C-alpha atoms as a PDB file:
ATOM      1  CA  MET A   1     -21.429  12.254  46.764  1.00  0.00           C
ATOM      2  CA  PRO A   2     -24.896  13.863  47.125  1.00  0.00           C
ATOM      3  CA  ARG A   3     -25.090  17.288  48.674  1.00  0.00           C
ATOM      4  CA  PRO A   4     -25.318  16.982  52.480  1.00  0.00           C
ATOM      5  CA  SER A   5     -28.572  17.854  54.210  1.00  0.00           C
ATOM      6  CA  CYS A   6     -26.717  19.338  57.159  1.00  0.00           C
ATOM      7  CA  SER A   7     -23.237  20.650  57.872  1.00  0.00           C
ATOM      8  CA  ILE A   8     -22.102  20.020  61.459  1.00  0.00           C
ATOM      9  CA  LEU A   9     -19.779  22.828  62.551  1.00  0.00           C
ATOM     10  CA  ILE A  10     -17.499  22.082  65.510  1.00  0.00           C
ATOM     11  CA  ALA A  11     -15.149  24.768  66.816  1.00  0.00           C
ATOM     12  CA  ASN A  12     -12.264  23.173  68.687  1.00  0.00           C
ATOM     13  CA  TYR A  13      -9.517  24.469  70.923  1.00  0.00           C
ATOM     14  CA  ASN A  14      -7.534  21.957  72.980  1.00  0.00           C
ATOM     15  CA  GLY A  15     -10.468  19.561  72.934  1.00  0.00           C
ATOM     16  CA  GLU A  16      -8.530  16.319  72.476  1.00  0.00           C
ATOM     17  CA  HIS A  17     -10.317  14.814  75.489  1.00  0.00           C
ATOM     18  CA  LEU A  18     -13.750  15.971  74.253  1.00  0.00           C
ATOM     19  CA  LEU A  19     -13.810  15.452  70.505  1.00  0.00           C
ATOM     20  CA  ALA A  20     -14.387  11.699  70.318  1.00  0.00           C
ATOM     21  CA  ASP A  21     -17.651  11.870  72.301  1.00  0.00           C
ATOM     22  CA  CYS A  22     -18.843  14.794  70.198  1.00  0.00           C
ATOM     23  CA  ILE A  23     -17.993  13.399  66.750  1.00  0.00           C
ATOM     24  CA  ASP A  24     -19.092   9.851  67.572  1.00  0.00           C
ATOM     25  CA  SER A  25     -22.510  11.217  68.556  1.00  0.00           C
ATOM     26  CA  VAL A  26     -22.817  12.737  65.069  1.00  0.00           C
ATOM     27  CA  LEU A  27     -21.672   9.574  63.311  1.00  0.00           C
ATOM     28  CA  GLY A  28     -24.113   7.521  65.368  1.00  0.00           C
ATOM     29  CA  GLN A  29     -27.235   9.412  64.308  1.00  0.00           C
ATOM     30  CA  ARG A  30     -30.286   7.378  63.387  1.00  0.00           C
ATOM     31  CA  GLY A  31     -31.933   8.218  60.079  1.00  0.00           C
ATOM     32  CA  ASP A  32     -31.012   8.577  56.452  1.00  0.00           C
ATOM     33  CA  PHE A  33     -29.142  11.882  56.505  1.00  0.00           C
ATOM     34  CA  GLN A  34     -26.229  13.061  54.429  1.00  0.00           C
ATOM     35  CA  VAL A  35     -24.107  15.149  56.759  1.00  0.00           C
ATOM     36  CA  GLU A  36     -20.677  16.671  56.556  1.00  0.00           C
ATOM     37  CA  ILE A  37     -18.533  17.378  59.592  1.00  0.00           C
ATOM     38  CA  ILE A  38     -16.416  20.522  59.525  1.00  0.00           C
ATOM     39  CA  ILE A  39     -14.000  21.179  62.370  1.00  0.00           C
ATOM     40  CA  HIS A  40     -12.127  24.426  62.927  1.00  0.00           C
ATOM     41  CA  ASP A  41      -9.054  23.836  65.062  1.00  0.00           C
ATOM     42  CA  ASP A  42      -8.214  27.117  66.737  1.00  0.00           C
ATOM     43  CA  CYS A  43      -4.448  26.644  66.966  1.00  0.00           C
ATOM     44  CA  SER A  44      -4.692  23.905  69.609  1.00  0.00           C
ATOM     45  CA  THR A  45      -1.576  23.056  71.607  1.00  0.00           C
ATOM     46  CA  ASP A  46      -2.727  19.518  72.475  1.00  0.00           C
ATOM     47  CA  ARG A  47      -2.978  16.523  70.115  1.00  0.00           C
ATOM     48  CA  SER A  48      -6.417  17.408  68.719  1.00  0.00           C
ATOM     49  CA  LEU A  49      -5.206  17.435  65.113  1.00  0.00           C
ATOM     50  CA  ASP A  50      -3.483  14.072  65.459  1.00  0.00           C
ATOM     51  CA  LEU A  51      -6.699  12.587  66.829  1.00  0.00           C
ATOM     52  CA  LEU A  52      -8.760  14.020  63.968  1.00  0.00           C
ATOM     53  CA  ARG A  53      -6.383  12.919  61.223  1.00  0.00           C
ATOM     54  CA  THR A  54      -6.023   9.408  62.634  1.00  0.00           C
ATOM     55  CA  HIS A  55      -9.590   8.583  63.661  1.00  0.00           C
ATOM     56  CA  TYR A  56     -11.858  10.932  61.696  1.00  0.00           C
ATOM     57  CA  PRO A  57     -10.526  11.262  58.142  1.00  0.00           C
ATOM     58  CA  GLN A  58     -14.078  12.029  56.893  1.00  0.00           C
ATOM     59  CA  ALA A  59     -14.073  15.365  58.734  1.00  0.00           C
ATOM     60  CA  ARG A  60     -13.115  18.529  56.856  1.00  0.00           C
ATOM     61  CA  ILE A  61     -10.561  20.353  58.976  1.00  0.00           C
ATOM     62  CA  ILE A  62      -9.663  24.030  58.995  1.00  0.00           C
ATOM     63  CA  GLU A  63      -6.322  24.534  60.738  1.00  0.00           C
ATOM     64  CA  SER A  64      -5.989  28.054  62.060  1.00  0.00           C
ATOM     65  CA  ALA A  65      -2.517  29.518  62.372  1.00  0.00           C
ATOM     66  CA  GLU A  66      -3.651  31.621  65.336  1.00  0.00           C
ATOM     67  CA  ASN A  67      -6.313  31.525  68.011  1.00  0.00           C
ATOM     68  CA  VAL A  68      -9.223  33.525  66.582  1.00  0.00           C
ATOM     69  CA  GLY A  69     -12.153  32.631  68.834  1.00  0.00           C
ATOM     70  CA  PHE A  70     -15.579  31.088  68.432  1.00  0.00           C
ATOM     71  CA  CYS A  71     -17.114  33.709  66.128  1.00  0.00           C
ATOM     72  CA  ILE A  72     -14.465  33.679  63.413  1.00  0.00           C
ATOM     73  CA  ALA A  73     -14.193  29.897  63.657  1.00  0.00           C
ATOM     74  CA  ASN A  74     -17.892  29.395  62.925  1.00  0.00           C
ATOM     75  CA  ASN A  75     -17.944  32.040  60.210  1.00  0.00           C
ATOM     76  CA  ARG A  76     -15.077  30.264  58.455  1.00  0.00           C
ATOM     77  CA  MET A  77     -16.801  26.889  58.677  1.00  0.00           C
ATOM     78  CA  ALA A  78     -20.151  28.263  57.485  1.00  0.00           C
ATOM     79  CA  ALA A  79     -18.408  29.869  54.504  1.00  0.00           C
ATOM     80  CA  ILE A  80     -17.309  26.471  53.153  1.00  0.00           C
ATOM     81  CA  ALA A  81     -20.338  24.465  54.314  1.00  0.00           C
ATOM     82  CA  GLU A  82     -22.351  22.735  51.599  1.00  0.00           C
ATOM     83  CA  GLY A  83     -25.372  21.616  53.637  1.00  0.00           C
ATOM     84  CA  GLU A  84     -28.787  23.213  53.337  1.00  0.00           C
ATOM     85  CA  TYR A  85     -28.777  23.486  57.143  1.00  0.00           C
ATOM     86  CA  LEU A  86     -26.095  24.237  59.695  1.00  0.00           C
ATOM     87  CA  LEU A  87     -25.771  22.716  63.156  1.00  0.00           C
ATOM     88  CA  LEU A  88     -23.349  24.525  65.432  1.00  0.00           C
ATOM     89  CA  LEU A  89     -22.182  21.985  67.998  1.00  0.00           C
ATOM     90  CA  ASN A  90     -19.776  22.561  70.872  1.00  0.00           C
ATOM     91  CA  ASN A  91     -16.862  20.177  71.166  1.00  0.00           C
ATOM     92  CA  ASP A  92     -17.964  19.503  74.775  1.00  0.00           C
ATOM     93  CA  ALA A  93     -21.476  18.416  73.698  1.00  0.00           C
ATOM     94  CA  ALA A  94     -22.878  15.138  72.360  1.00  0.00           C
ATOM     95  CA  LEU A  95     -26.155  14.603  70.502  1.00  0.00           C
ATOM     96  CA  PHE A  96     -28.760  12.013  71.439  1.00  0.00           C
ATOM     97  CA  PRO A  97     -28.965   9.333  68.699  1.00  0.00           C
ATOM     98  CA  ASP A  98     -32.270  10.725  67.350  1.00  0.00           C
ATOM     99  CA  ALA A  99     -31.269  14.406  67.488  1.00  0.00           C
ATOM    100  CA  LEU A 100     -31.089  15.030  63.728  1.00  0.00           C
ATOM    101  CA  SER A 101     -34.300  13.059  63.175  1.00  0.00           C
ATOM    102  CA  ALA A 102     -36.032  15.401  65.614  1.00  0.00           C
ATOM    103  CA  LEU A 103     -34.596  18.522  64.005  1.00  0.00           C
ATOM    104  CA  PHE A 104     -35.586  17.361  60.519  1.00  0.00           C
ATOM    105  CA  ASP A 105     -39.023  16.040  61.519  1.00  0.00           C
ATOM    106  CA  PRO A 106     -41.512  17.197  58.829  1.00  0.00           C
ATOM    107  CA  ALA A 107     -43.887  18.204  61.625  1.00  0.00           C
ATOM    108  CA  ASN A 108     -41.434  20.893  62.705  1.00  0.00           C
ATOM    109  CA  ASP A 109     -41.015  24.234  61.027  1.00  0.00           C
ATOM    110  CA  VAL A 110     -37.291  24.272  60.236  1.00  0.00           C
ATOM    111  CA  ALA A 111     -37.240  27.762  58.753  1.00  0.00           C
ATOM    112  CA  GLY A 112     -36.063  29.423  61.969  1.00  0.00           C
ATOM    113  CA  ILE A 113     -33.490  28.773  64.684  1.00  0.00           C
ATOM    114  CA  SER A 114     -33.897  25.621  66.754  1.00  0.00           C
ATOM    115  CA  THR A 115     -32.211  23.771  69.561  1.00  0.00           C
ATOM    116  CA  LEU A 116     -32.817  20.629  71.623  1.00  0.00           C
ATOM    117  CA  PRO A 117     -33.277  20.137  75.368  1.00  0.00           C
ATOM    118  CA  GLN A 118     -29.909  20.430  77.090  1.00  0.00           C
ATOM    119  CA  PHE A 119     -28.898  17.892  79.743  1.00  0.00           C
ATOM    120  CA  ALA A 120     -25.972  17.846  82.155  1.00  0.00           C
ATOM    121  CA  TRP A 121     -23.218  15.463  81.140  1.00  0.00           C
ATOM    122  CA  ASP A 122     -22.667  13.769  84.510  1.00  0.00           C
ATOM    123  CA  ASP A 123     -26.083  13.355  86.101  1.00  0.00           C
ATOM    124  CA  GLY A 124     -28.482  13.838  83.179  1.00  0.00           C
ATOM    125  CA  ARG A 125     -30.474  16.626  84.817  1.00  0.00           C
ATOM    126  CA  ILE A 126     -32.172  19.106  82.534  1.00  0.00           C
ATOM    127  CA  ILE A 127     -30.178  22.326  82.133  1.00  0.00           C
ATOM    128  CA  ASN A 128     -32.637  24.218  79.953  1.00  0.00           C
ATOM    129  CA  TYR A 129     -35.103  24.204  77.092  1.00  0.00           C
ATOM    130  CA  GLY A 130     -33.513  27.256  75.521  1.00  0.00           C
ATOM    131  CA  CYS A 131     -33.270  30.620  77.274  1.00  0.00           C
ATOM    132  CA  ARG A 132     -35.113  33.820  77.930  1.00  0.00           C
ATOM    133  CA  LEU A 133     -33.208  37.048  78.612  1.00  0.00           C
ATOM    134  CA  ASP A 134     -33.495  39.726  81.244  1.00  0.00           C
ATOM    135  CA  LEU A 135     -33.494  43.365  80.175  1.00  0.00           C
ATOM    136  CA  PHE A 136     -29.699  43.500  80.456  1.00  0.00           C
ATOM    137  CA  TYR A 137     -29.320  40.440  78.192  1.00  0.00           C
ATOM    138  CA  ASN A 138     -28.328  37.885  80.819  1.00  0.00           C
ATOM    139  CA  ALA A 139     -29.484  34.417  79.767  1.00  0.00           C
ATOM    140  CA  VAL A 140     -32.285  32.982  81.926  1.00  0.00           C
ATOM    141  CA  PRO A 141     -32.734  29.199  81.565  1.00  0.00           C
ATOM    142  CA  ALA A 142     -36.203  28.083  80.467  1.00  0.00           C
ATOM    143  CA  MET A 143     -37.011  25.042  82.591  1.00  0.00           C
ATOM    144  CA  ARG A 144     -40.500  24.189  81.317  1.00  0.00           C
ATOM    145  CA  PRO A 145     -40.872  23.404  77.612  1.00  0.00           C
ATOM    146  CA  GLY A 146     -43.390  25.491  75.712  1.00  0.00           C
ATOM    147  CA  LYS A 147     -44.251  27.598  78.758  1.00  0.00           C
ATOM    148  CA  HIS A 148     -42.765  30.881  77.517  1.00  0.00           C
ATOM    149  CA  ALA A 149     -41.516  32.445  74.306  1.00  0.00           C
ATOM    150  CA  LEU A 150     -37.742  32.106  74.021  1.00  0.00           C
ATOM    151  CA  ALA A 151     -35.314  34.920  73.342  1.00  0.00           C
ATOM    152  CA  MET A 152     -32.335  32.744  72.397  1.00  0.00           C
ATOM    153  CA  VAL A 153     -30.838  29.281  72.207  1.00  0.00           C
ATOM    154  CA  GLU A 154     -27.246  28.478  73.045  1.00  0.00           C
ATOM    155  CA  GLY A 155     -24.544  28.104  70.446  1.00  0.00           C
ATOM    156  CA  ALA A 156     -23.631  24.740  71.991  1.00  0.00           C
ATOM    157  CA  CYS A 157     -26.352  23.201  69.789  1.00  0.00           C
ATOM    158  CA  LEU A 158     -27.873  25.681  67.340  1.00  0.00           C
ATOM    159  CA  PHE A 159     -29.647  24.577  64.149  1.00  0.00           C
ATOM    160  CA  LEU A 160     -30.724  26.875  61.312  1.00  0.00           C
ATOM    161  CA  PRO A 161     -30.953  27.083  57.517  1.00  0.00           C
ATOM    162  CA  ARG A 162     -27.704  28.167  55.904  1.00  0.00           C
ATOM    163  CA  ARG A 163     -29.729  30.747  53.966  1.00  0.00           C
ATOM    164  CA  LEU A 164     -30.821  32.378  57.259  1.00  0.00           C
ATOM    165  CA  TRP A 165     -27.247  32.406  58.558  1.00  0.00           C
ATOM    166  CA  THR A 166     -26.181  34.257  55.403  1.00  0.00           C
ATOM    167  CA  GLU A 167     -29.046  36.745  55.627  1.00  0.00           C
ATOM    168  CA  LEU A 168     -28.179  37.577  59.239  1.00  0.00           C
ATOM    169  CA  GLY A 169     -24.475  37.887  58.455  1.00  0.00           C
ATOM    170  CA  GLY A 170     -23.285  35.166  60.819  1.00  0.00           C
ATOM    171  CA  PHE A 171     -21.515  36.150  64.035  1.00  0.00           C
ATOM    172  CA  PRO A 172     -19.910  39.580  64.587  1.00  0.00           C
ATOM    173  CA  GLU A 173     -16.252  38.616  64.379  1.00  0.00           C
ATOM    174  CA  TRP A 174     -15.138  41.330  66.789  1.00  0.00           C
ATOM    175  CA  PHE A 175     -17.188  39.640  69.540  1.00  0.00           C
ATOM    176  CA  GLY A 176     -14.509  36.936  69.735  1.00  0.00           C
ATOM    177  CA  SER A 177     -16.560  34.639  71.965  1.00  0.00           C
ATOM    178  CA  ILE A 178     -19.535  34.988  74.342  1.00  0.00           C
ATOM    179  CA  ALA A 179     -23.034  36.374  73.608  1.00  0.00           C
ATOM    180  CA  GLU A 180     -22.719  35.805  69.862  1.00  0.00           C
ATOM    181  CA  ASP A 181     -25.538  33.238  70.036  1.00  0.00           C
ATOM    182  CA  ALA A 182     -27.812  35.779  71.722  1.00  0.00           C
ATOM    183  CA  MET A 183     -26.935  38.345  69.042  1.00  0.00           C
ATOM    184  CA  LEU A 184     -27.828  35.932  66.237  1.00  0.00           C
ATOM    185  CA  CYS A 185     -31.104  34.873  67.873  1.00  0.00           C
ATOM    186  CA  CYS A 186     -32.210  38.405  68.783  1.00  0.00           C
ATOM    187  CA  ALA A 187     -31.455  39.612  65.253  1.00  0.00           C
ATOM    188  CA  ALA A 188     -33.479  36.705  63.879  1.00  0.00           C
ATOM    189  CA  ARG A 189     -36.441  37.462  66.149  1.00  0.00           C
ATOM    190  CA  LEU A 190     -36.394  41.125  65.154  1.00  0.00           C
ATOM    191  CA  ALA A 191     -36.602  39.981  61.524  1.00  0.00           C
ATOM    192  CA  GLY A 192     -39.684  37.903  62.352  1.00  0.00           C
ATOM    193  CA  THR A 193     -37.961  34.503  62.515  1.00  0.00           C
ATOM    194  CA  ALA A 194     -38.929  31.952  65.162  1.00  0.00           C
ATOM    195  CA  VAL A 195     -36.480  30.830  67.850  1.00  0.00           C
ATOM    196  CA  ARG A 196     -37.501  27.677  69.669  1.00  0.00           C
ATOM    197  CA  CYS A 197     -36.502  24.528  71.511  1.00  0.00           C
ATOM    198  CA  LEU A 198     -37.960  21.171  70.517  1.00  0.00           C
ATOM    199  CA  GLU A 199     -39.453  19.035  73.255  1.00  0.00           C
ATOM    200  CA  SER A 200     -38.049  15.753  71.933  1.00  0.00           C
ATOM    201  CA  SER A 201     -34.545  14.276  71.826  1.00  0.00           C
ATOM    202  CA  GLY A 202     -31.727  16.377  73.297  1.00  0.00           C
ATOM    203  CA  TYR A 203     -27.997  16.701  73.820  1.00  0.00           C
ATOM    204  CA  ARG A 204     -25.604  16.278  76.715  1.00  0.00           C
ATOM    205  CA  HIS A 205     -23.265  19.116  77.555  1.00  0.00           C
ATOM    206  CA  ARG A 206     -20.206  19.459  79.751  1.00  0.00           C
ATOM    207  CA  GLN A 207     -21.028  23.077  80.507  1.00  0.00           C
ATOM    208  CA  GLY A 208     -17.930  25.222  80.641  1.00  0.00           C
ATOM    209  CA  ALA A 209     -15.484  22.440  79.719  1.00  0.00           C
ATOM    210  CA  SER A 210     -14.241  24.436  76.733  1.00  0.00           C
ATOM    211  CA  PHE A 211     -14.520  27.958  78.201  1.00  0.00           C
ATOM    212  CA  SER A 212     -15.611  28.084  81.842  1.00  0.00           C
ATOM    213  CA  GLY A 213     -18.625  30.308  82.398  1.00  0.00           C
ATOM    214  CA  LEU A 214     -20.671  31.631  85.291  1.00  0.00           C
ATOM    215  CA  ARG A 215     -21.797  28.319  86.777  1.00  0.00           C
ATOM    216  CA  ALA A 216     -23.042  27.318  90.210  1.00  0.00           C
ATOM    217  CA  ASN A 217     -20.881  24.433  91.428  1.00  0.00           C
ATOM    218  CA  ASP A 218     -21.368  23.155  94.975  1.00  0.00           C
ATOM    219  CA  GLY A 219     -23.661  26.096  95.616  1.00  0.00           C
ATOM    220  CA  ARG A 220     -21.018  28.684  94.664  1.00  0.00           C
ATOM    221  CA  LEU A 221     -20.812  30.725  91.475  1.00  0.00           C
ATOM    222  CA  ARG A 222     -17.565  30.339  89.579  1.00  0.00           C
ATOM    223  CA  THR A 223     -16.230  32.049  86.471  1.00  0.00           C
ATOM    224  CA  ARG A 224     -13.008  33.305  84.882  1.00  0.00           C
ATOM    225  CA  PHE A 225     -11.676  36.808  84.456  1.00  0.00           C
ATOM    226  CA  ARG A 226     -11.338  36.565  80.665  1.00  0.00           C
ATOM    227  CA  ARG A 227     -14.828  35.183  80.146  1.00  0.00           C
ATOM    228  CA  ARG A 228     -16.383  37.715  82.501  1.00  0.00           C
ATOM    229  CA  TYR A 229     -14.678  40.575  80.650  1.00  0.00           C
ATOM    230  CA  LEU A 230     -15.946  39.329  77.280  1.00  0.00           C
ATOM    231  CA  SER A 231     -19.414  38.818  78.692  1.00  0.00           C
ATOM    232  CA  GLU A 232     -19.673  42.362  80.050  1.00  0.00           C
ATOM    233  CA  ARG A 233     -18.213  43.963  76.915  1.00  0.00           C
ATOM    234  CA  ASN A 234     -20.330  42.000  74.466  1.00  0.00           C
ATOM    235  CA  ARG A 235     -23.584  42.362  76.382  1.00  0.00           C
ATOM    236  CA  ILE A 236     -23.231  46.149  76.207  1.00  0.00           C
ATOM    237  CA  ALA A 237     -22.977  45.847  72.413  1.00  0.00           C
ATOM    238  CA  LEU A 238     -25.840  43.333  72.336  1.00  0.00           C
ATOM    239  CA  LEU A 239     -28.160  45.587  74.315  1.00  0.00           C
ATOM    240  CA  ALA A 240     -27.326  48.601  72.145  1.00  0.00           C
ATOM    241  CA  THR A 241     -27.695  46.629  68.903  1.00  0.00           C
ATOM    242  CA  CYS A 242     -30.885  44.685  69.395  1.00  0.00           C
ATOM    243  CA  THR A 243     -33.150  46.600  71.783  1.00  0.00           C
ATOM    244  CA  PRO A 244     -35.727  48.410  69.623  1.00  0.00           C
ATOM    245  CA  THR A 245     -36.731  52.066  69.930  1.00  0.00           C
ATOM    246  CA  TRP A 246     -35.721  54.563  72.617  1.00  0.00           C
ATOM    247  CA  LEU A 247     -35.668  51.801  75.227  1.00  0.00           C
ATOM    248  CA  ALA A 248     -32.151  50.862  74.087  1.00  0.00           C
ATOM    249  CA  TRP A 249     -30.652  54.137  75.297  1.00  0.00           C
ATOM    250  CA  LEU A 250     -32.589  54.137  78.578  1.00  0.00           C
ATOM    251  CA  LEU A 251     -31.460  50.600  79.392  1.00  0.00           C
ATOM    252  CA  LEU A 252     -27.917  51.300  78.257  1.00  0.00           C
ATOM    253  CA  GLY A 253     -27.528  54.183  80.713  1.00  0.00           C
ATOM    254  CA  LEU A 254     -29.012  52.108  83.517  1.00  0.00           C
ATOM    255  CA  HIS A 255     -26.777  49.187  82.617  1.00  0.00           C
ATOM    256  CA  TRP A 256     -23.610  51.278  82.854  1.00  0.00           C
ATOM    257  CA  ALA A 257     -24.692  52.523  86.303  1.00  0.00           C
ATOM    258  CA  ILE A 258     -25.353  48.937  87.455  1.00  0.00           C
ATOM    259  CA  LEU A 259     -21.957  47.785  86.190  1.00  0.00           C
ATOM    260  CA  LEU A 260     -20.223  50.501  88.185  1.00  0.00           C
ATOM    261  CA  ALA A 261     -22.165  49.581  91.330  1.00  0.00           C
ATOM    262  CA  GLU A 262     -21.439  45.891  90.768  1.00  0.00           C
ATOM    263  CA  ALA A 263     -17.726  46.579  90.311  1.00  0.00           C
ATOM    264  CA  ILE A 264     -17.559  48.561  93.560  1.00  0.00           C
ATOM    265  CA  GLY A 265     -19.446  45.879  95.476  1.00  0.00           C
ATOM    266  CA  LEU A 266     -17.407  42.964  94.113  1.00  0.00           C
ATOM    267  CA  CYS A 267     -14.077  44.699  94.759  1.00  0.00           C
ATOM    268  CA  ALA A 268     -15.169  45.495  98.309  1.00  0.00           C
ATOM    269  CA  LEU A 269     -16.323  41.932  99.005  1.00  0.00           C
ATOM    270  CA  GLN A 270     -13.141  40.384  97.619  1.00  0.00           C
ATOM    271  CA  GLY A 271     -10.783  42.978  99.068  1.00  0.00           C
ATOM    272  CA  THR A 272      -9.003  43.546  95.766  1.00  0.00           C
ATOM    273  CA  MET A 273      -9.264  45.890  92.785  1.00  0.00           C
ATOM    274  CA  ARG A 274      -8.547  43.072  90.342  1.00  0.00           C
ATOM    275  CA  PRO A 275     -12.205  42.730  89.175  1.00  0.00           C
ATOM    276  CA  TRP A 276     -12.193  46.430  88.270  1.00  0.00           C
ATOM    277  CA  HIS A 277      -8.866  46.283  86.442  1.00  0.00           C
ATOM    278  CA  GLU A 278      -9.470  42.999  84.593  1.00  0.00           C
ATOM    279  CA  ILE A 279     -13.244  42.971  84.025  1.00  0.00           C
ATOM    280  CA  TYR A 280     -15.273  46.137  84.431  1.00  0.00           C
ATOM    281  CA  PHE A 281     -12.950  48.952  83.385  1.00  0.00           C
ATOM    282  CA  PRO A 282     -11.602  47.224  80.240  1.00  0.00           C
ATOM    283  CA  ALA A 283     -15.106  46.005  79.318  1.00  0.00           C
ATOM    284  CA  MET A 284     -16.583  49.518  79.477  1.00  0.00           C
ATOM    285  CA  ARG A 285     -13.529  51.096  77.855  1.00  0.00           C
ATOM    286  CA  ASP A 286     -13.537  48.624  74.964  1.00  0.00           C
ATOM    287  CA  ALA A 287     -17.311  48.802  74.531  1.00  0.00           C
ATOM    288  CA  TRP A 288     -16.937  52.561  74.096  1.00  0.00           C
ATOM    289  CA  SER A 289     -14.048  52.177  71.636  1.00  0.00           C
ATOM    290  CA  LEU A 290     -16.214  49.770  69.598  1.00  0.00           C
ATOM    291  CA  ARG A 291     -19.189  52.146  69.499  1.00  0.00           C
ATOM    292  CA  GLU A 292     -18.943  52.776  65.738  1.00  0.00           C
ATOM    293  CA  LYS A 293     -19.030  49.060  64.979  1.00  0.00           C
ATOM    294  CA  THR A 294     -21.924  48.636  67.405  1.00  0.00           C
ATOM    295  CA  LEU A 295     -23.922  51.459  65.831  1.00  0.00           C
ATOM    296  CA  ALA A 296     -23.310  50.050  62.344  1.00  0.00           C
ATOM    297  CA  LEU A 297     -24.492  46.663  63.553  1.00  0.00           C
ATOM    298  CA  ARG A 298     -27.566  48.299  65.099  1.00  0.00           C
ATOM    299  CA  ARG A 299     -28.464  50.063  61.863  1.00  0.00           C
ATOM    300  CA  GLY A 300     -28.342  46.820  59.893  1.00  0.00           C
ATOM    301  CA  THR A 301     -30.209  44.827  62.542  1.00  0.00           C
ATOM    302  CA  GLN A 302     -32.959  47.373  63.085  1.00  0.00           C
ATOM    303  CA  ALA A 303     -33.388  47.854  59.317  1.00  0.00           C
ATOM    304  CA  ARG A 304     -34.536  44.214  59.119  1.00  0.00           C
ATOM    305  CA  ARG A 305     -36.951  44.611  62.039  1.00  0.00           C
ATOM    306  CA  CYS A 306     -40.553  43.675  61.297  1.00  0.00           C
ATOM    307  CA  ILE A 307     -41.900  43.227  64.840  1.00  0.00           C
ATOM    308  CA  GLY A 308     -42.721  45.789  67.493  1.00  0.00           C
ATOM    309  CA  LEU A 309     -41.179  46.319  70.921  1.00  0.00           C
ATOM    310  CA  ARG A 310     -43.968  44.462  72.704  1.00  0.00           C
ATOM    311  CA  GLU A 311     -43.547  41.326  70.592  1.00  0.00           C
ATOM    312  CA  TYR A 312     -39.764  41.453  70.955  1.00  0.00           C
ATOM    313  CA  LEU A 313     -40.014  41.623  74.753  1.00  0.00           C
ATOM    314  CA  ARG A 314     -42.144  38.466  74.903  1.00  0.00           C
ATOM    315  CA  GLY A 315     -38.909  36.517  75.239  1.00  0.00           C
ATOM    316  CA  PHE A 316     -37.707  38.578  78.212  1.00  0.00           C
ATOM    317  CA  VAL A 317     -38.114  38.585  81.988  1.00  0.00           C
ATOM    318  CA  PHE A 318     -38.083  41.842  83.935  1.00  0.00           C
ATOM    319  CA  PHE A 319     -36.289  40.809  87.134  1.00  0.00           C
ATOM    320  CA  PRO A 320     -32.471  41.015  86.807  1.00  0.00           C
ATOM    321  CA  TYR A 321     -31.210  37.434  86.657  1.00  0.00           C
ATOM    322  CA  ARG A 322     -27.775  38.262  88.057  1.00  0.00           C
ATOM    323  CA  LEU A 323     -29.420  39.657  91.195  1.00  0.00           C
ATOM    324  CA  ARG A 324     -31.326  36.402  91.599  1.00  0.00           C
ATOM    325  CA  LEU A 325     -28.063  34.442  91.320  1.00  0.00           C
ATOM    326  CA  LEU A 326     -26.359  36.756  93.800  1.00  0.00           C
ATOM    327  CA  VAL A 327     -29.107  36.266  96.387  1.00  0.00           C
ATOM    328  CA  ARG A 328     -29.105  32.497  95.896  1.00  0.00           C
ATOM    329  CA  HIS A 329     -25.368  31.783  95.640  1.00  0.00           C
ATOM    330  CA  GLY A 330     -23.495  34.849  96.861  1.00  0.00           C
ATOM    331  CA  ALA A 331     -20.673  36.690  95.077  1.00  0.00           C
ATOM    332  CA  PRO A 332     -18.901  34.655  92.387  1.00  0.00           C
ATOM    333  CA  ARG A 333     -15.438  33.220  92.751  1.00  0.00           C
ATOM    334  CA  ILE A 334     -13.358  34.450  89.816  1.00  0.00           C
ATOM    335  CA  THR A 335     -10.229  32.614  88.754  1.00  0.00           C
ATOM    336  CA  ASP A 336      -7.661  32.745  85.969  1.00  0.00           C
END
């Protein structure tokens, strides 16, 4: 068989009810592309493996003996991928039929990191055209294509040359899950590589179906304790790793103060110390214990930097996005 043009990497955990839509969208692509599908099953307890073996024998499957998380799963798949390009695709996402044609269009520069417009699964509304970031590395959806420079694209549908993935070192495995896509994109931008969203084609996404995030449902923010902990811990490392110059340490101190204030306010509003014990304290404690790994990651990332602070901040907004969400939707409801 000829070498595939693109390796589709799908990390799966208990996605039996999601996988068919995802894989069928890959198999139904228009265009003459050689692709390989690699699926990392993260020790699922449902019948995901039975489904894959029975209905998708063409997929290459990595069966993990333990649950290792999104970062290790994608690193393992990328290590055996044979395609010139990689497409990271969530198991709760499905590509439009012309998605690969758009990504491989000769008119597009495919040397950097790309994504497609993201649409809600149920009603088809636009979710974003990639994301900007605020100064504390919260993702801010870009709702108008081409209006602003992007800081990141989501790992739900992330396309890049395999060579670039190797140069950047893939995902930090100790991140586990959450914010690894922002780390990859920010490191790429610091190295002078473009991060962008195409304006054609797209993909549908059941946001949070695989790992529920901070989403506004029925006008109320909802998230989970585990995800919120990972988000807070990893964003501390992300800020310290990628922010150029002295600004990193100024923002880091301010960020810690904001986290403490947020923890006090959320515990007071909810009448329980559980957010402190399960989110904020362990996130700050573990971020501190990982400081050596973070500093090593910063040294490698900043050594590749070829743009200045001003250019890097073009993908950022200066108003805290979490404050905007709090004003609009109120305090989040956090569940198990």
